[in-house]
Amino acid sequence: MAIKIFIDQGHNPVNPNAGAEAFGYREQDINYDVGVRLAALLNSNPNFEARLSRNTPTEQLGVSTTTSLQTRARMANEWGADFFISIHSNASTNPAVRGSEAYVYSLNTPASEMAARILQGLYYLTLLPNRGVFENPGLYVLRATDMPSVLVEMGYMTNPIDINMLTTDPESFAKGIYYGILFYYDLM
């Protein structure tokens, strides 16, 4: 029986629930691209079955930020996913801030272990600083999903080094997350 991984590419192509923008790039486009690449990696491995929240770059989920988030959680819950991974790109008012971080509903859980492994995989492939795993029970997709859930912030769009890598080498981010999943399931 394949392990079911639901990949949520954070944010919609346009508002409501569009993402951050920096250096002429849009978060939702980066998240979409990495998600598609991650799903392809997982689906090429017989141990996994992956589904995406957005199956085309223009697919819009929900009619408000609330219904967008509800739709993502509902899709994963109805499918019966074993793990929910929401892919994001971060932003800061300080352009020096960089690196990858992850959020979970609570620490010392399967989700926090998966988050730690994903950050290891991202560091291994990108060498972006590992900023750690943080508890954030306020994030809707972490609290409304029935399975362990991780929200990963791959890098800072507002940092010139991170945004360059996010936009020129999305495959390394997909592989980093994929390797993290493999580490978690002891398949690597």
N, C-alpha and C. Protein backbone atom coordinates (compact mmCIF):
# COMPACT_ATOMS: atom_id res chain seq x y z
N MET A 1 0.85 -1.19 0.00
CA MET A 1 0.00 0.00 0.00
C MET A 1 0.89 1.25 0.00
N ALA A 2 0.71 2.09 -0.99
CA ALA A 2 1.55 3.29 -1.12
C ALA A 2 1.23 4.30 -0.02
N ILE A 3 2.27 5.01 0.40
CA ILE A 3 2.13 6.10 1.38
C ILE A 3 1.58 7.31 0.62
N LYS A 4 0.48 7.85 1.11
CA LYS A 4 -0.22 8.94 0.42
C LYS A 4 0.23 10.31 0.95
N ILE A 5 0.89 11.07 0.08
CA ILE A 5 1.41 12.39 0.45
C ILE A 5 0.61 13.45 -0.31
N PHE A 6 -0.08 14.32 0.45
CA PHE A 6 -0.81 15.42 -0.17
C PHE A 6 0.10 16.64 -0.17
N ILE A 7 0.35 17.18 -1.36
CA ILE A 7 1.23 18.34 -1.51
C ILE A 7 0.36 19.56 -1.80
N ASP A 8 0.40 20.51 -0.89
CA ASP A 8 -0.33 21.76 -1.06
C ASP A 8 0.64 22.84 -1.49
N GLN A 9 0.47 23.32 -2.73
CA GLN A 9 1.29 24.45 -3.18
C GLN A 9 0.60 25.71 -2.65
N GLY A 10 1.21 26.29 -1.62
CA GLY A 10 0.61 27.40 -0.91
C GLY A 10 0.23 28.56 -1.82
N HIS A 11 -0.96 29.11 -1.57
CA HIS A 11 -1.48 30.32 -2.20
C HIS A 11 -2.12 30.06 -3.57
N ASN A 12 -2.92 31.02 -3.97
CA ASN A 12 -3.63 30.98 -5.24
C ASN A 12 -2.91 31.82 -6.29
N PRO A 13 -3.20 31.57 -7.59
CA PRO A 13 -2.55 32.37 -8.64
C PRO A 13 -2.87 33.86 -8.54
N VAL A 14 -4.10 34.19 -8.09
CA VAL A 14 -4.50 35.59 -7.86
C VAL A 14 -5.29 35.64 -6.56
N ASN A 15 -5.52 36.85 -6.04
CA ASN A 15 -6.31 36.97 -4.81
C ASN A 15 -7.72 36.47 -5.05
N PRO A 16 -8.41 35.91 -4.05
CA PRO A 16 -7.96 35.84 -2.66
C PRO A 16 -6.87 34.79 -2.46
N ASN A 17 -6.08 35.02 -1.41
CA ASN A 17 -5.04 34.10 -0.95
C ASN A 17 -3.86 34.00 -1.90
N ALA A 18 -3.51 35.10 -2.56
CA ALA A 18 -2.26 35.13 -3.33
C ALA A 18 -1.11 35.29 -2.34
N GLY A 19 0.10 34.96 -2.78
CA GLY A 19 1.25 34.96 -1.88
C GLY A 19 2.08 36.22 -1.97
N ALA A 20 3.27 36.13 -1.42
CA ALA A 20 4.21 37.24 -1.39
C ALA A 20 4.79 37.50 -2.79
N GLU A 21 5.32 38.71 -2.96
CA GLU A 21 6.01 39.05 -4.21
C GLU A 21 7.31 39.76 -3.86
N ALA A 22 8.36 39.44 -4.63
CA ALA A 22 9.66 40.09 -4.44
C ALA A 22 10.49 39.93 -5.70
N PHE A 23 11.24 40.94 -6.02
CA PHE A 23 12.14 40.91 -7.18
C PHE A 23 11.41 40.51 -8.47
N GLY A 24 10.13 40.85 -8.56
CA GLY A 24 9.35 40.52 -9.75
C GLY A 24 8.84 39.09 -9.80
N TYR A 25 9.04 38.33 -8.75
CA TYR A 25 8.56 36.95 -8.69
C TYR A 25 7.39 36.83 -7.73
N ARG A 26 6.53 35.85 -7.99
CA ARG A 26 5.36 35.61 -7.16
C ARG A 26 5.50 34.28 -6.44
N GLU A 27 5.23 34.31 -5.14
CA GLU A 27 5.36 33.10 -4.32
C GLU A 27 4.55 31.94 -4.87
N GLN A 28 3.29 32.21 -5.27
CA GLN A 28 2.42 31.14 -5.71
C GLN A 28 2.97 30.40 -6.92
N ASP A 29 3.72 31.09 -7.79
CA ASP A 29 4.29 30.45 -8.98
C ASP A 29 5.47 29.54 -8.59
N ILE A 30 6.29 30.00 -7.66
CA ILE A 30 7.42 29.20 -7.18
C ILE A 30 6.88 27.95 -6.47
N ASN A 31 5.91 28.14 -5.58
CA ASN A 31 5.34 27.02 -4.83
C ASN A 31 4.72 25.99 -5.77
N TYR A 32 4.01 26.49 -6.80
CA TYR A 32 3.37 25.59 -7.76
C TYR A 32 4.42 24.72 -8.46
N ASP A 33 5.46 25.36 -8.96
CA ASP A 33 6.51 24.66 -9.71
C ASP A 33 7.18 23.59 -8.85
N VAL A 34 7.58 23.95 -7.65
CA VAL A 34 8.25 22.98 -6.77
C VAL A 34 7.30 21.83 -6.43
N GLY A 35 6.03 22.15 -6.19
CA GLY A 35 5.05 21.11 -5.87
C GLY A 35 4.88 20.09 -6.98
N VAL A 36 4.79 20.57 -8.22
CA VAL A 36 4.65 19.67 -9.37
C VAL A 36 5.88 18.76 -9.48
N ARG A 37 7.06 19.34 -9.28
CA ARG A 37 8.29 18.55 -9.34
C ARG A 37 8.35 17.52 -8.21
N LEU A 38 7.92 17.92 -7.01
CA LEU A 38 7.91 17.00 -5.88
C LEU A 38 6.92 15.86 -6.12
N ALA A 39 5.74 16.17 -6.63
CA ALA A 39 4.76 15.12 -6.93
C ALA A 39 5.31 14.13 -7.95
N ALA A 40 6.01 14.63 -8.96
CA ALA A 40 6.59 13.75 -9.98
C ALA A 40 7.62 12.80 -9.35
N LEU A 41 8.45 13.33 -8.46
CA LEU A 41 9.44 12.49 -7.77
C LEU A 41 8.75 11.41 -6.94
N LEU A 42 7.76 11.81 -6.15
CA LEU A 42 7.05 10.85 -5.30
C LEU A 42 6.31 9.81 -6.13
N ASN A 43 5.62 10.26 -7.19
CA ASN A 43 4.84 9.33 -8.00
C ASN A 43 5.69 8.39 -8.84
N SER A 44 6.97 8.72 -8.99
CA SER A 44 7.88 7.81 -9.71
C SER A 44 8.44 6.74 -8.77
N ASN A 45 8.16 6.85 -7.48
CA ASN A 45 8.62 5.89 -6.47
C ASN A 45 7.41 5.05 -6.06
N PRO A 46 7.47 3.72 -6.25
CA PRO A 46 6.31 2.88 -5.95
C PRO A 46 5.90 2.90 -4.47
N ASN A 47 6.73 3.42 -3.58
CA ASN A 47 6.37 3.52 -2.17
C ASN A 47 5.36 4.62 -1.90
N PHE A 48 5.17 5.53 -2.86
CA PHE A 48 4.37 6.72 -2.63
C PHE A 48 3.29 6.93 -3.68
N GLU A 49 2.27 7.65 -3.26
CA GLU A 49 1.27 8.21 -4.17
C GLU A 49 1.09 9.65 -3.73
N ALA A 50 1.24 10.59 -4.66
CA ALA A 50 1.13 12.01 -4.33
C ALA A 50 -0.01 12.65 -5.08
N ARG A 51 -0.66 13.61 -4.42
CA ARG A 51 -1.68 14.46 -5.05
C ARG A 51 -1.34 15.90 -4.74
N LEU A 52 -1.78 16.78 -5.65
CA LEU A 52 -1.54 18.22 -5.53
C LEU A 52 -2.83 18.96 -5.20
N SER A 53 -2.69 20.07 -4.50
CA SER A 53 -3.86 20.93 -4.28
C SER A 53 -4.19 21.70 -5.55
N ARG A 54 -3.17 22.13 -6.29
CA ARG A 54 -3.36 22.88 -7.54
C ARG A 54 -2.75 22.08 -8.68
N ASN A 55 -3.60 21.67 -9.62
CA ASN A 55 -3.13 20.82 -10.71
C ASN A 55 -2.77 21.58 -11.97
N THR A 56 -3.09 22.87 -12.02
CA THR A 56 -2.64 23.73 -13.11
C THR A 56 -2.18 25.05 -12.49
N PRO A 57 -1.31 25.79 -13.18
CA PRO A 57 -0.81 27.05 -12.62
C PRO A 57 -1.90 28.08 -12.37
N THR A 58 -3.03 27.96 -13.07
CA THR A 58 -4.10 28.95 -12.94
C THR A 58 -5.24 28.48 -12.04
N GLU A 59 -5.14 27.26 -11.51
CA GLU A 59 -6.22 26.73 -10.66
C GLU A 59 -6.36 27.56 -9.40
N GLN A 60 -7.59 28.01 -9.16
CA GLN A 60 -7.92 28.87 -8.03
C GLN A 60 -8.73 28.04 -7.04
N LEU A 61 -8.32 28.00 -5.78
CA LEU A 61 -9.02 27.24 -4.76
C LEU A 61 -9.76 28.19 -3.83
N GLY A 62 -11.09 28.05 -3.77
CA GLY A 62 -11.90 28.87 -2.88
C GLY A 62 -12.18 30.25 -3.43
N VAL A 63 -13.10 30.94 -2.76
CA VAL A 63 -13.50 32.29 -3.17
C VAL A 63 -13.10 33.34 -2.14
N SER A 64 -12.42 32.88 -1.07
CA SER A 64 -11.87 33.78 -0.05
C SER A 64 -10.64 33.08 0.52
N THR A 65 -9.85 33.79 1.30
CA THR A 65 -8.70 33.13 1.93
C THR A 65 -9.17 31.97 2.80
N THR A 66 -10.26 32.16 3.53
CA THR A 66 -10.78 31.11 4.40
C THR A 66 -11.18 29.88 3.60
N THR A 67 -11.97 30.06 2.53
CA THR A 67 -12.42 28.90 1.76
C THR A 67 -11.27 28.28 0.97
N SER A 68 -10.27 29.08 0.62
CA SER A 68 -9.08 28.53 -0.05
C SER A 68 -8.38 27.54 0.88
N LEU A 69 -8.17 27.96 2.13
CA LEU A 69 -7.50 27.10 3.11
C LEU A 69 -8.36 25.88 3.45
N GLN A 70 -9.67 26.11 3.60
CA GLN A 70 -10.58 25.00 3.91
C GLN A 70 -10.56 23.95 2.80
N THR A 71 -10.54 24.41 1.55
CA THR A 71 -10.53 23.49 0.41
C THR A 71 -9.28 22.61 0.43
N ARG A 72 -8.13 23.20 0.71
CA ARG A 72 -6.88 22.45 0.74
C ARG A 72 -6.91 21.35 1.81
N ALA A 73 -7.36 21.72 3.01
CA ALA A 73 -7.44 20.73 4.10
C ALA A 73 -8.47 19.65 3.78
N ARG A 74 -9.63 20.08 3.25
CA ARG A 74 -10.68 19.11 2.92
C ARG A 74 -10.23 18.10 1.87
N MET A 75 -9.51 18.58 0.85
CA MET A 75 -9.02 17.68 -0.21
C MET A 75 -8.13 16.58 0.39
N ALA A 76 -7.24 16.97 1.27
CA ALA A 76 -6.32 16.00 1.90
C ALA A 76 -7.10 15.05 2.81
N ASN A 77 -8.04 15.58 3.58
CA ASN A 77 -8.82 14.75 4.50
C ASN A 77 -9.69 13.75 3.74
N GLU A 78 -10.34 14.20 2.68
CA GLU A 78 -11.22 13.32 1.91
C GLU A 78 -10.44 12.22 1.21
N TRP A 79 -9.24 12.53 0.78
CA TRP A 79 -8.39 11.53 0.11
C TRP A 79 -7.84 10.52 1.12
N GLY A 80 -7.75 10.93 2.38
CA GLY A 80 -7.17 10.06 3.40
C GLY A 80 -5.65 10.03 3.34
N ALA A 81 -5.06 11.20 3.10
CA ALA A 81 -3.60 11.30 3.01
C ALA A 81 -2.94 10.85 4.31
N ASP A 82 -1.75 10.29 4.18
CA ASP A 82 -0.94 9.92 5.35
C ASP A 82 -0.15 11.11 5.88
N PHE A 83 0.16 12.05 4.98
CA PHE A 83 0.92 13.24 5.36
C PHE A 83 0.48 14.40 4.48
N PHE A 84 0.46 15.59 5.05
CA PHE A 84 0.11 16.83 4.34
C PHE A 84 1.35 17.72 4.38
N ILE A 85 1.81 18.15 3.22
CA ILE A 85 2.97 19.03 3.16
C ILE A 85 2.59 20.27 2.36
N SER A 86 2.62 21.42 3.02
CA SER A 86 2.28 22.69 2.38
C SER A 86 3.58 23.43 2.06
N ILE A 87 3.73 23.78 0.80
CA ILE A 87 4.97 24.38 0.30
C ILE A 87 4.80 25.90 0.18
N HIS A 88 5.73 26.63 0.77
CA HIS A 88 5.68 28.09 0.75
C HIS A 88 7.08 28.67 0.53
N SER A 89 7.10 29.97 0.20
CA SER A 89 8.33 30.76 0.10
C SER A 89 8.13 31.95 1.02
N ASN A 90 9.10 32.24 1.84
CA ASN A 90 8.97 33.22 2.90
C ASN A 90 9.30 34.64 2.42
N ALA A 91 8.98 35.62 3.26
CA ALA A 91 9.31 37.02 2.99
C ALA A 91 9.59 37.72 4.31
N SER A 92 10.46 38.71 4.26
CA SER A 92 10.81 39.48 5.45
C SER A 92 11.09 40.92 5.05
N THR A 93 10.87 41.83 5.99
CA THR A 93 11.23 43.23 5.74
C THR A 93 12.74 43.41 5.76
N ASN A 94 13.46 42.43 6.33
CA ASN A 94 14.93 42.48 6.39
C ASN A 94 15.48 41.59 5.27
N PRO A 95 16.08 42.18 4.22
CA PRO A 95 16.56 41.39 3.10
C PRO A 95 17.74 40.47 3.44
N ALA A 96 18.33 40.64 4.63
CA ALA A 96 19.44 39.76 5.03
C ALA A 96 18.95 38.41 5.55
N VAL A 97 17.68 38.32 5.95
CA VAL A 97 17.15 37.08 6.50
C VAL A 97 17.02 36.05 5.39
N ARG A 98 17.55 34.84 5.63
CA ARG A 98 17.51 33.80 4.60
C ARG A 98 17.46 32.42 5.24
N GLY A 99 17.13 31.44 4.41
CA GLY A 99 17.13 30.07 4.88
C GLY A 99 15.76 29.42 4.87
N SER A 100 15.76 28.13 5.21
CA SER A 100 14.54 27.32 5.22
C SER A 100 14.08 27.10 6.66
N GLU A 101 12.76 27.03 6.85
CA GLU A 101 12.19 26.73 8.16
C GLU A 101 10.89 25.98 7.95
N ALA A 102 10.38 25.38 9.01
CA ALA A 102 9.13 24.62 8.89
C ALA A 102 8.27 24.84 10.12
N TYR A 103 6.97 24.70 9.92
CA TYR A 103 5.98 24.89 10.98
C TYR A 103 5.12 23.64 11.12
N VAL A 104 4.80 23.32 12.38
CA VAL A 104 3.95 22.18 12.70
C VAL A 104 2.95 22.60 13.77
N TYR A 105 1.88 21.83 13.91
CA TYR A 105 0.85 22.14 14.91
C TYR A 105 1.44 22.04 16.31
N SER A 106 2.24 20.98 16.56
CA SER A 106 2.92 20.87 17.86
C SER A 106 4.22 20.10 17.69
N LEU A 107 5.14 20.37 18.59
CA LEU A 107 6.46 19.73 18.55
C LEU A 107 6.39 18.33 19.16
N ASN A 108 7.46 17.56 18.97
CA ASN A 108 7.56 16.19 19.49
C ASN A 108 6.42 15.31 18.97
N THR A 109 6.17 15.43 17.66
CA THR A 109 5.13 14.67 16.98
C THR A 109 5.71 14.11 15.68
N PRO A 110 5.00 13.20 15.02
CA PRO A 110 5.45 12.75 13.70
C PRO A 110 5.64 13.92 12.73
N ALA A 111 4.77 14.92 12.81
CA ALA A 111 4.91 16.09 11.92
C ALA A 111 6.22 16.83 12.18
N SER A 112 6.59 17.01 13.45
CA SER A 112 7.84 17.75 13.72
C SER A 112 9.05 16.94 13.29
N GLU A 113 8.96 15.61 13.39
CA GLU A 113 10.05 14.75 12.91
C GLU A 113 10.17 14.85 11.38
N MET A 114 9.03 14.81 10.69
CA MET A 114 9.04 14.97 9.23
C MET A 114 9.60 16.34 8.86
N ALA A 115 9.18 17.38 9.57
CA ALA A 115 9.66 18.73 9.28
C ALA A 115 11.18 18.81 9.42
N ALA A 116 11.71 18.19 10.47
CA ALA A 116 13.17 18.19 10.69
C ALA A 116 13.88 17.49 9.54
N ARG A 117 13.32 16.37 9.09
CA ARG A 117 13.93 15.61 7.98
C ARG A 117 13.87 16.42 6.68
N ILE A 118 12.74 17.10 6.44
CA ILE A 118 12.62 17.92 5.23
C ILE A 118 13.66 19.04 5.24
N LEU A 119 13.85 19.67 6.40
CA LEU A 119 14.87 20.73 6.49
C LEU A 119 16.27 20.17 6.26
N GLN A 120 16.52 18.95 6.74
CA GLN A 120 17.83 18.30 6.46
C GLN A 120 18.00 18.09 4.97
N GLY A 121 16.94 17.60 4.32
CA GLY A 121 17.00 17.37 2.88
C GLY A 121 17.21 18.66 2.11
N LEU A 122 16.51 19.71 2.51
CA LEU A 122 16.69 21.00 1.84
C LEU A 122 18.12 21.52 2.02
N TYR A 123 18.64 21.40 3.22
CA TYR A 123 20.01 21.86 3.45
C TYR A 123 21.00 21.05 2.59
N TYR A 124 20.79 19.76 2.55
CA TYR A 124 21.67 18.86 1.78
C TYR A 124 21.71 19.26 0.30
N LEU A 125 20.56 19.66 -0.25
CA LEU A 125 20.48 19.98 -1.68
C LEU A 125 20.76 21.44 -1.99
N THR A 126 20.47 22.36 -1.06
CA THR A 126 20.56 23.79 -1.37
C THR A 126 21.64 24.53 -0.59
N LEU A 127 22.04 23.99 0.54
CA LEU A 127 22.97 24.65 1.47
C LEU A 127 22.41 25.94 2.06
N LEU A 128 21.09 26.18 1.91
CA LEU A 128 20.48 27.34 2.57
C LEU A 128 20.46 27.06 4.08
N PRO A 129 20.64 28.07 4.91
CA PRO A 129 20.63 27.86 6.35
C PRO A 129 19.35 27.17 6.82
N ASN A 130 19.51 26.24 7.75
CA ASN A 130 18.38 25.55 8.38
C ASN A 130 17.98 26.37 9.59
N ARG A 131 16.82 27.03 9.51
CA ARG A 131 16.36 27.92 10.59
C ARG A 131 15.55 27.19 11.64
N GLY A 132 15.22 25.90 11.40
CA GLY A 132 14.57 25.10 12.43
C GLY A 132 13.08 24.87 12.23
N VAL A 133 12.54 24.05 13.13
CA VAL A 133 11.13 23.69 13.14
C VAL A 133 10.44 24.47 14.27
N PHE A 134 9.30 25.07 13.97
CA PHE A 134 8.58 25.88 14.94
C PHE A 134 7.14 25.40 15.09
N GLU A 135 6.64 25.51 16.30
CA GLU A 135 5.25 25.18 16.58
C GLU A 135 4.38 26.38 16.25
N ASN A 136 3.29 26.15 15.49
CA ASN A 136 2.35 27.23 15.20
C ASN A 136 0.95 26.63 15.03
N PRO A 137 0.25 26.39 16.15
CA PRO A 137 -1.09 25.80 16.06
C PRO A 137 -2.12 26.74 15.44
N GLY A 138 -1.76 28.00 15.21
CA GLY A 138 -2.69 28.95 14.61
C GLY A 138 -2.82 28.82 13.10
N LEU A 139 -1.90 28.10 12.45
CA LEU A 139 -1.97 27.97 10.99
C LEU A 139 -3.09 27.00 10.62
N TYR A 140 -4.04 27.47 9.83
CA TYR A 140 -5.26 26.71 9.54
C TYR A 140 -4.96 25.32 8.97
N VAL A 141 -4.08 25.25 7.97
CA VAL A 141 -3.86 23.93 7.32
C VAL A 141 -3.19 22.93 8.26
N LEU A 142 -2.54 23.41 9.31
CA LEU A 142 -1.93 22.49 10.27
C LEU A 142 -2.96 21.97 11.28
N ARG A 143 -3.95 22.78 11.59
CA ARG A 143 -4.92 22.34 12.60
C ARG A 143 -6.16 21.69 12.00
N ALA A 144 -6.44 21.91 10.71
CA ALA A 144 -7.67 21.39 10.11
C ALA A 144 -7.47 20.08 9.34
N THR A 145 -6.24 19.62 9.27
CA THR A 145 -5.96 18.36 8.57
C THR A 145 -6.00 17.21 9.57
N ASP A 146 -6.49 16.06 9.10
CA ASP A 146 -6.64 14.89 9.96
C ASP A 146 -5.34 14.10 10.11
N MET A 147 -4.35 14.41 9.28
CA MET A 147 -3.08 13.68 9.28
C MET A 147 -1.97 14.61 9.73
N PRO A 148 -0.78 14.06 10.07
CA PRO A 148 0.35 14.95 10.40
C PRO A 148 0.62 15.91 9.23
N SER A 149 0.89 17.16 9.57
CA SER A 149 1.03 18.19 8.56
C SER A 149 2.23 19.09 8.83
N VAL A 150 2.91 19.45 7.75
CA VAL A 150 4.09 20.32 7.81
C VAL A 150 3.89 21.46 6.82
N LEU A 151 4.16 22.68 7.26
CA LEU A 151 4.23 23.82 6.36
C LEU A 151 5.70 24.20 6.25
N VAL A 152 6.25 24.05 5.05
CA VAL A 152 7.67 24.32 4.85
C VAL A 152 7.85 25.63 4.10
N GLU A 153 8.66 26.50 4.66
CA GLU A 153 9.06 27.76 4.02
C GLU A 153 10.45 27.49 3.43
N MET A 154 10.49 27.32 2.10
CA MET A 154 11.72 26.84 1.45
C MET A 154 12.87 27.82 1.52
N GLY A 155 12.57 29.11 1.42
CA GLY A 155 13.60 30.14 1.43
C GLY A 155 12.93 31.49 1.43
N TYR A 156 13.72 32.55 1.54
CA TYR A 156 13.18 33.91 1.61
C TYR A 156 13.23 34.58 0.25
N MET A 157 12.06 34.88 -0.29
CA MET A 157 11.97 35.57 -1.57
C MET A 157 12.60 36.96 -1.51
N THR A 158 12.66 37.52 -0.31
CA THR A 158 13.17 38.88 -0.13
C THR A 158 14.69 38.90 0.01
N ASN A 159 15.31 37.73 0.00
CA ASN A 159 16.77 37.65 0.06
C ASN A 159 17.29 37.34 -1.35
N PRO A 160 18.27 38.12 -1.84
CA PRO A 160 18.73 37.92 -3.22
C PRO A 160 19.32 36.53 -3.49
N ILE A 161 19.98 35.94 -2.53
CA ILE A 161 20.57 34.61 -2.72
C ILE A 161 19.46 33.56 -2.78
N ASP A 162 18.54 33.61 -1.81
CA ASP A 162 17.46 32.63 -1.77
C ASP A 162 16.58 32.72 -3.01
N ILE A 163 16.17 33.92 -3.40
CA ILE A 163 15.25 34.05 -4.54
C ILE A 163 15.93 33.59 -5.82
N ASN A 164 17.21 33.84 -5.95
CA ASN A 164 17.93 33.38 -7.14
C ASN A 164 17.87 31.85 -7.21
N MET A 165 18.09 31.18 -6.10
CA MET A 165 18.06 29.72 -6.11
C MET A 165 16.63 29.20 -6.31
N LEU A 166 15.65 29.83 -5.64
CA LEU A 166 14.25 29.39 -5.78
C LEU A 166 13.78 29.47 -7.23
N THR A 167 14.24 30.48 -7.95
CA THR A 167 13.74 30.69 -9.31
C THR A 167 14.60 30.01 -10.38
N THR A 168 15.88 29.79 -10.11
CA THR A 168 16.73 29.17 -11.13
C THR A 168 16.93 27.67 -10.91
N ASP A 169 16.66 27.18 -9.69
CA ASP A 169 16.88 25.76 -9.41
C ASP A 169 15.76 25.16 -8.55
N PRO A 170 14.52 25.25 -9.02
CA PRO A 170 13.41 24.70 -8.24
C PRO A 170 13.54 23.19 -8.02
N GLU A 171 14.22 22.51 -8.92
CA GLU A 171 14.38 21.05 -8.79
C GLU A 171 15.13 20.68 -7.51
N SER A 172 16.10 21.50 -7.10
CA SER A 172 16.83 21.20 -5.86
C SER A 172 15.93 21.30 -4.64
N PHE A 173 14.96 22.21 -4.66
CA PHE A 173 14.02 22.32 -3.54
C PHE A 173 13.08 21.12 -3.53
N ALA A 174 12.60 20.72 -4.72
CA ALA A 174 11.74 19.54 -4.80
C ALA A 174 12.49 18.29 -4.31
N LYS A 175 13.72 18.14 -4.78
CA LYS A 175 14.52 16.98 -4.36
C LYS A 175 14.84 17.03 -2.87
N GLY A 176 15.11 18.21 -2.35
CA GLY A 176 15.39 18.34 -0.93
C GLY A 176 14.22 17.89 -0.08
N ILE A 177 13.01 18.33 -0.45
CA ILE A 177 11.81 17.91 0.29
C ILE A 177 11.61 16.41 0.12
N TYR A 178 11.79 15.93 -1.11
CA TYR A 178 11.66 14.49 -1.40
C TYR A 178 12.63 13.66 -0.56
N TYR A 179 13.88 14.08 -0.52
CA TYR A 179 14.87 13.37 0.30
C TYR A 179 14.47 13.37 1.76
N GLY A 180 13.93 14.50 2.24
CA GLY A 180 13.47 14.58 3.62
C GLY A 180 12.38 13.55 3.90
N ILE A 181 11.45 13.39 2.95
CA ILE A 181 10.39 12.39 3.09
C ILE A 181 10.99 10.99 3.11
N LEU A 182 11.96 10.75 2.23
CA LEU A 182 12.65 9.45 2.23
C LEU A 182 13.37 9.20 3.55
N PHE A 183 14.06 10.23 4.07
CA PHE A 183 14.74 10.08 5.37
C PHE A 183 13.73 9.71 6.45
N TYR A 184 12.59 10.41 6.45
CA TYR A 184 11.57 10.17 7.47
C TYR A 184 11.09 8.72 7.45
N TYR A 185 10.84 8.21 6.25
CA TYR A 185 10.33 6.83 6.13
C TYR A 185 11.45 5.79 6.08
N ASP A 186 12.69 6.23 6.33
CA ASP A 186 13.85 5.33 6.34
C ASP A 186 13.98 4.57 5.02
N LEU A 187 13.78 5.30 3.93
CA LEU A 187 13.86 4.72 2.58
C LEU A 187 15.11 5.19 1.83
N MET A 188 16.05 5.78 2.57
CA MET A 188 17.25 6.30 1.92
C MET A 188 18.48 6.00 2.77
